[in-house]
């Protein structure tokens, strides 16, 4: 499975392997993106608090990585509350 750019795309098993048992809506949201495995792995590293490693490698939290990070760090309550307010 590849993205439109021909890079490896993440699958359900990849998400579970790297994130463990996370909510189904997060898995669906992540898989709904055309994210590469590299973007996903980088976002997981940020979410695990390895931001010092990312900074040392001069990587910033942006683009698809930032979107995946936001999904990983958000919770259902915040999403439901935002939907009610919006």
C-alpha atoms as a PDB file:
ATOM      1  CA  UNK A   1       0.000   0.000   0.000  1.00  0.00           C
ATOM      2  CA  UNK A   2       1.479   3.364  -1.056  1.00  0.00           C
ATOM      3  CA  UNK A   3       0.515   7.035  -0.961  1.00  0.00           C
ATOM      4  CA  UNK A   4      -0.145   9.106  -4.057  1.00  0.00           C
ATOM      5  CA  UNK A   5       3.562   9.973  -4.056  1.00  0.00           C
ATOM      6  CA  UNK A   6       4.497   6.276  -4.062  1.00  0.00           C
ATOM      7  CA  UNK A   7       5.762   6.200  -0.469  1.00  0.00           C
ATOM      8  CA  UNK A   8       4.648   3.467   1.954  1.00  0.00           C
ATOM      9  CA  UNK A   9       1.250   4.241   3.483  1.00  0.00           C
ATOM     10  CA  UNK A  10       0.399   3.289   7.035  1.00  0.00           C
ATOM     11  CA  UNK A  11      -2.128   0.580   7.763  1.00  0.00           C
ATOM     12  CA  UNK A  12      -4.265  -0.392  10.738  1.00  0.00           C
ATOM     13  CA  UNK A  13      -1.650  -2.846  11.999  1.00  0.00           C
ATOM     14  CA  UNK A  14       1.044  -0.139  11.857  1.00  0.00           C
ATOM     15  CA  UNK A  15      -1.044   2.180  14.018  1.00  0.00           C
ATOM     16  CA  UNK A  16      -1.753  -0.521  16.601  1.00  0.00           C
ATOM     17  CA  UNK A  17       1.883  -1.678  16.614  1.00  0.00           C
ATOM     18  CA  UNK A  18       3.255   1.807  17.315  1.00  0.00           C
ATOM     19  CA  UNK A  19       0.430   3.253  19.428  1.00  0.00           C
ATOM     20  CA  UNK A  20      -1.002   0.248  21.215  1.00  0.00           C
ATOM     21  CA  UNK A  21      -4.665   0.243  22.083  1.00  0.00           C
ATOM     22  CA  UNK A  22      -6.003   3.633  20.968  1.00  0.00           C
ATOM     23  CA  UNK A  23      -9.555   4.700  20.209  1.00  0.00           C
ATOM     24  CA  UNK A  24     -11.059   3.558  16.912  1.00  0.00           C
ATOM     25  CA  UNK A  25     -11.872   7.137  15.883  1.00  0.00           C
ATOM     26  CA  UNK A  26      -8.167   8.023  16.116  1.00  0.00           C
ATOM     27  CA  UNK A  27      -7.196   5.050  13.966  1.00  0.00           C
ATOM     28  CA  UNK A  28      -9.854   5.974  11.401  1.00  0.00           C
ATOM     29  CA  UNK A  29      -8.775   9.624  11.342  1.00  0.00           C
ATOM     30  CA  UNK A  30      -5.113   8.708  10.874  1.00  0.00           C
ATOM     31  CA  UNK A  31      -5.860   6.151   8.176  1.00  0.00           C
ATOM     32  CA  UNK A  32      -8.110   8.698   6.427  1.00  0.00           C
ATOM     33  CA  UNK A  33      -5.074  10.875   5.797  1.00  0.00           C
ATOM     34  CA  UNK A  34      -2.689  10.137   2.960  1.00  0.00           C
ATOM     35  CA  UNK A  35       0.152   9.951   5.471  1.00  0.00           C
ATOM     36  CA  UNK A  36       3.423   8.172   4.924  1.00  0.00           C
ATOM     37  CA  UNK A  37       4.979   5.783   7.398  1.00  0.00           C
ATOM     38  CA  UNK A  38       7.771   8.303   7.996  1.00  0.00           C
ATOM     39  CA  UNK A  39       5.250  11.036   8.898  1.00  0.00           C
ATOM     40  CA  UNK A  40       3.397   8.670  11.198  1.00  0.00           C
ATOM     41  CA  UNK A  41       6.553   7.484  12.971  1.00  0.00           C
ATOM     42  CA  UNK A  42       7.692  11.081  13.470  1.00  0.00           C
ATOM     43  CA  UNK A  43       4.307  12.099  14.918  1.00  0.00           C
ATOM     44  CA  UNK A  44       4.392   9.123  17.289  1.00  0.00           C
ATOM     45  CA  UNK A  45       7.878  10.167  18.451  1.00  0.00           C
ATOM     46  CA  UNK A  46       6.585  13.689  19.160  1.00  0.00           C
ATOM     47  CA  UNK A  47       3.565  12.273  21.026  1.00  0.00           C
ATOM     48  CA  UNK A  48       5.813  10.101  23.190  1.00  0.00           C
ATOM     49  CA  UNK A  49       7.695  13.163  24.344  1.00  0.00           C
ATOM     50  CA  UNK A  50      10.750  12.598  22.191  1.00  0.00           C
ATOM     51  CA  UNK A  51      10.580  16.206  21.030  1.00  0.00           C
ATOM     52  CA  UNK A  52      14.147  16.816  22.240  1.00  0.00           C
ATOM     53  CA  UNK A  53      15.323  14.209  19.721  1.00  0.00           C
ATOM     54  CA  UNK A  54      13.284  15.865  16.960  1.00  0.00           C
ATOM     55  CA  UNK A  55      14.702  19.281  17.836  1.00  0.00           C
ATOM     56  CA  UNK A  56      18.240  17.870  17.812  1.00  0.00           C
ATOM     57  CA  UNK A  57      17.544  16.568  14.304  1.00  0.00           C
ATOM     58  CA  UNK A  58      16.186  20.026  13.361  1.00  0.00           C
ATOM     59  CA  UNK A  59      12.703  18.680  12.667  1.00  0.00           C
ATOM     60  CA  UNK A  60       9.663  20.824  13.269  1.00  0.00           C
ATOM     61  CA  UNK A  61       6.121  19.788  13.984  1.00  0.00           C
ATOM     62  CA  UNK A  62       4.321  20.735  10.767  1.00  0.00           C
ATOM     63  CA  UNK A  63       2.217  19.427   7.881  1.00  0.00           C
ATOM     64  CA  UNK A  64       0.996  15.852   8.040  1.00  0.00           C
ATOM     65  CA  UNK A  65       3.150  15.157  11.098  1.00  0.00           C
ATOM     66  CA  UNK A  66       1.402  17.947  13.001  1.00  0.00           C
ATOM     67  CA  UNK A  67      -2.028  16.687  11.931  1.00  0.00           C
ATOM     68  CA  UNK A  68      -1.289  13.147  13.102  1.00  0.00           C
ATOM     69  CA  UNK A  69       0.197  14.494  16.338  1.00  0.00           C
ATOM     70  CA  UNK A  70      -2.993  16.462  17.010  1.00  0.00           C
ATOM     71  CA  UNK A  71      -5.085  13.332  16.480  1.00  0.00           C
ATOM     72  CA  UNK A  72      -2.883  11.289  18.794  1.00  0.00           C
ATOM     73  CA  UNK A  73      -2.915  13.936  21.520  1.00  0.00           C
ATOM     74  CA  UNK A  74      -6.613  14.816  21.372  1.00  0.00           C
ATOM     75  CA  UNK A  75      -9.311  12.976  23.235  1.00  0.00           C
ATOM     76  CA  UNK A  76     -12.931  12.186  22.409  1.00  0.00           C
ATOM     77  CA  UNK A  77     -14.276  14.618  25.009  1.00  0.00           C
ATOM     78  CA  UNK A  78     -12.459  17.545  23.404  1.00  0.00           C
ATOM     79  CA  UNK A  79     -13.757  16.556  19.962  1.00  0.00           C
ATOM     80  CA  UNK A  80     -17.358  16.196  21.157  1.00  0.00           C
ATOM     81  CA  UNK A  81     -17.190  19.537  22.983  1.00  0.00           C
ATOM     82  CA  UNK A  82     -15.739  21.320  19.926  1.00  0.00           C
ATOM     83  CA  UNK A  83     -18.420  19.827  17.672  1.00  0.00           C
ATOM     84  CA  UNK A  84     -21.159  21.065  20.033  1.00  0.00           C
ATOM     85  CA  UNK A  85     -19.664  24.558  20.126  1.00  0.00           C
ATOM     86  CA  UNK A  86     -19.095  24.706  16.360  1.00  0.00           C
END
